[in-house]
Amino acid sequence: MSVKKTLTLTAAAAAIGLSGAASADSLGDKDESGRAMSDKALVILTSDSLETQGMAMILSNAMQQQGSDLRVLLCDQAGDLAVEGYQSAEPINTPPSNPAGQVTPEGILQMLMDNGAQVDVCAIYLPNRDYGEEVLRDGIGVAAPGPIAELMRDPTVSVSTF
């Protein structure tokens, strides 16, 4: 990744994260209904839509910035984000108030991982492709159904799907 691209992604992360941190400060440790917010979040992304992938990553970043221990599960076409060398067809534009300008879902995903998010592809992603685990980006694993099911059943874990 070029230095310019890295700096752009870093600026995007900071801008996106700062807006999420401001929201977290206004909510404290409770959601709008007064319930305690979970410190764990599971984001399941299956969409092949560039904007949906981008928004899922932006929201994941906001959750991570607000203190969530983040786990991302990439399934179906979204699993392609986990493949080393994958590049989105084009970057997505951020809102006018965001100085980053343009970002890519895979760029934000890498930033999430750099900040401690655990990222896996679904257990059936690789067996339904013509390649194996060696094509995955460094740090991305293959999820086992049991542990993911436990997270999904845990009422203290926020589960979001895109």
Protein backbone atom coordinates (compact mmCIF):
# COMPACT_ATOMS: atom_id res chain seq x y z
CA MET A 1 0.00 0.00 0.00
CA SER A 2 1.42 3.41 -0.93
CA VAL A 3 2.27 6.03 1.67
CA LYS A 4 -0.34 8.39 0.19
CA LYS A 5 -3.03 5.70 0.41
CA THR A 6 -2.01 4.83 3.98
CA LEU A 7 -2.14 8.48 5.03
CA THR A 8 -5.52 8.93 3.35
CA LEU A 9 -6.91 5.87 5.13
CA THR A 10 -5.45 7.08 8.43
CA ALA A 11 -7.09 10.49 7.96
CA ALA A 12 -10.36 8.79 7.09
CA ALA A 13 -10.17 6.61 10.16
CA ALA A 14 -9.48 9.58 12.38
CA ALA A 15 -12.34 11.60 10.91
CA ILE A 16 -14.75 8.69 11.05
CA GLY A 17 -13.57 7.70 14.53
CA LEU A 18 -13.82 11.20 15.95
CA SER A 19 -17.44 11.49 14.86
CA GLY A 20 -18.13 8.10 16.50
CA ALA A 21 -16.31 9.10 19.67
CA ALA A 22 -18.40 12.24 19.96
CA SER A 23 -21.54 10.14 19.72
CA ALA A 24 -20.23 7.73 22.35
CA ASP A 25 -19.55 10.59 24.74
CA SER A 26 -23.10 11.83 24.38
CA LEU A 27 -24.53 8.39 25.14
CA GLY A 28 -22.21 7.37 27.94
CA ASP A 29 -22.31 3.64 28.64
CA LYS A 30 -26.03 3.32 27.92
CA ASP A 31 -28.08 3.21 24.76
CA GLU A 32 -30.94 5.62 24.04
CA SER A 33 -33.37 3.51 26.09
CA GLY A 34 -31.06 3.58 29.12
CA ARG A 35 -29.85 -0.04 28.80
CA ALA A 36 -26.16 -0.78 29.28
CA MET A 37 -24.31 -0.99 25.98
CA SER A 38 -22.36 -4.16 25.19
CA ASP A 39 -18.62 -4.03 24.97
CA LYS A 40 -18.63 -6.83 22.36
CA ALA A 41 -19.92 -6.57 18.80
CA LEU A 42 -20.24 -9.05 15.96
CA VAL A 43 -20.65 -7.63 12.46
CA ILE A 44 -21.71 -10.10 9.77
CA LEU A 45 -21.20 -8.79 6.24
CA THR A 46 -22.50 -10.70 3.21
CA SER A 47 -23.42 -7.97 0.73
CA ASP A 48 -21.52 -7.47 -2.50
CA SER A 49 -22.71 -3.85 -2.66
CA LEU A 50 -19.79 -1.43 -2.45
CA GLU A 51 -21.77 1.16 -0.48
CA THR A 52 -23.17 -1.44 1.93
CA GLN A 53 -19.69 -2.85 2.52
CA GLY A 54 -18.34 0.66 3.05
CA MET A 55 -21.08 1.63 5.50
CA ALA A 56 -20.67 -1.65 7.41
CA MET A 57 -16.95 -0.88 7.79
CA ILE A 58 -17.61 2.76 8.78
CA LEU A 59 -20.13 1.70 11.42
CA SER A 60 -17.77 -1.03 12.63
CA ASN A 61 -15.08 1.60 13.00
CA ALA A 62 -17.45 3.77 15.04
CA MET A 63 -18.29 0.82 17.30
CA GLN A 64 -14.60 0.07 17.77
CA GLN A 65 -13.88 3.74 18.52
CA GLN A 66 -16.66 3.65 21.12
CA GLY A 67 -14.95 0.79 22.91
CA SER A 68 -16.48 -2.34 21.40
CA ASP A 69 -14.38 -5.48 21.19
CA LEU A 70 -15.11 -6.04 17.50
CA ARG A 71 -15.39 -9.27 15.55
CA VAL A 72 -16.15 -9.18 11.82
CA LEU A 73 -17.46 -12.19 9.89
CA LEU A 74 -17.22 -11.97 6.09
CA CYS A 75 -19.47 -14.31 4.14
CA ASP A 76 -20.57 -14.81 0.53
CA GLN A 77 -19.28 -12.09 -1.81
CA ALA A 78 -18.14 -9.91 1.12
CA GLY A 79 -15.58 -12.62 1.85
CA ASP A 80 -13.62 -11.31 -1.12
CA LEU A 81 -12.55 -8.39 1.12
CA ALA A 82 -10.46 -10.94 3.05
CA VAL A 83 -8.45 -12.03 0.01
CA GLU A 84 -4.91 -10.63 -0.19
CA GLY A 85 -4.66 -8.17 -3.06
CA TYR A 86 -8.42 -7.70 -3.46
CA GLN A 87 -9.34 -4.18 -4.50
CA SER A 88 -12.81 -2.71 -4.75
CA ALA A 89 -13.84 -1.58 -8.23
CA GLU A 90 -13.67 2.01 -7.01
CA PRO A 91 -13.44 3.95 -3.74
CA ILE A 92 -16.57 5.31 -2.11
CA ASN A 93 -17.08 8.98 -1.35
CA THR A 94 -17.42 9.98 2.27
CA PRO A 95 -19.87 12.70 3.38
CA PRO A 96 -18.81 16.28 2.58
CA SER A 97 -18.02 16.89 6.27
CA ASN A 98 -15.41 14.08 6.23
CA PRO A 99 -11.96 15.27 5.11
CA ALA A 100 -10.97 11.78 3.96
CA GLY A 101 -12.79 12.18 0.67
CA GLN A 102 -12.71 8.58 -0.53
CA VAL A 103 -12.19 5.22 1.20
CA THR A 104 -12.44 1.55 0.34
CA PRO A 105 -14.10 -1.16 2.44
CA GLU A 106 -10.92 -3.26 2.41
CA GLY A 107 -8.89 -0.26 3.56
CA ILE A 108 -11.16 0.33 6.55
CA LEU A 109 -11.19 -3.43 7.24
CA GLN A 110 -7.40 -3.40 7.46
CA MET A 111 -7.55 -0.42 9.80
CA LEU A 112 -10.06 -2.26 12.02
CA MET A 113 -7.68 -5.22 12.18
CA ASP A 114 -4.74 -2.93 12.96
CA ASN A 115 -6.81 -1.64 15.89
CA GLY A 116 -7.50 -5.12 17.25
CA ALA A 117 -10.63 -6.37 15.47
CA GLN A 118 -10.81 -10.11 14.86
CA VAL A 119 -11.78 -10.82 11.25
CA ASP A 120 -12.77 -14.19 9.81
CA VAL A 121 -14.40 -15.56 6.69
CA CYS A 122 -17.37 -17.90 7.06
CA ALA A 123 -16.56 -21.58 7.38
CA ILE A 124 -18.06 -22.26 3.94
CA TYR A 125 -16.40 -19.36 2.10
CA LEU A 126 -13.15 -21.09 1.10
CA PRO A 127 -14.59 -24.57 0.36
CA ASN A 128 -16.79 -22.89 -2.26
CA ARG A 129 -13.89 -21.12 -4.01
CA ASP A 130 -10.97 -22.35 -6.08
CA TYR A 131 -8.40 -21.34 -3.46
CA GLY A 132 -7.42 -22.08 0.10
CA GLU A 133 -6.53 -20.31 3.34
CA GLU A 134 -3.21 -19.12 1.92
CA VAL A 135 -4.99 -16.40 -0.08
CA LEU A 136 -6.37 -14.66 3.00
CA ARG A 137 -4.86 -11.38 4.19
CA ASP A 138 -2.51 -11.73 7.14
CA GLY A 139 -4.48 -11.92 10.37
CA ILE A 140 -7.75 -13.15 8.82
CA GLY A 141 -8.93 -16.58 9.84
CA VAL A 142 -11.71 -19.02 9.11
CA ALA A 143 -14.58 -18.96 11.59
CA ALA A 144 -15.87 -22.11 13.21
CA PRO A 145 -19.69 -22.27 13.41
CA GLY A 146 -19.81 -23.15 17.13
CA PRO A 147 -18.05 -20.07 18.51
CA ILE A 148 -19.94 -17.77 16.13
CA ALA A 149 -23.25 -19.33 17.19
CA GLU A 150 -22.28 -18.73 20.84
CA LEU A 151 -21.66 -15.06 20.10
CA MET A 152 -24.96 -14.76 18.24
CA ARG A 153 -26.86 -16.33 21.16
CA ASP A 154 -25.15 -14.20 23.80
CA PRO A 155 -27.60 -11.42 24.76
CA THR A 156 -24.70 -9.17 25.79
CA VAL A 157 -23.18 -9.20 22.28
CA SER A 158 -24.44 -6.71 19.72
CA VAL A 159 -24.96 -8.50 16.39
CA SER A 160 -25.28 -6.46 13.18
CA THR A 161 -25.79 -7.85 9.70
CA PHE A 162 -25.23 -6.20 6.35
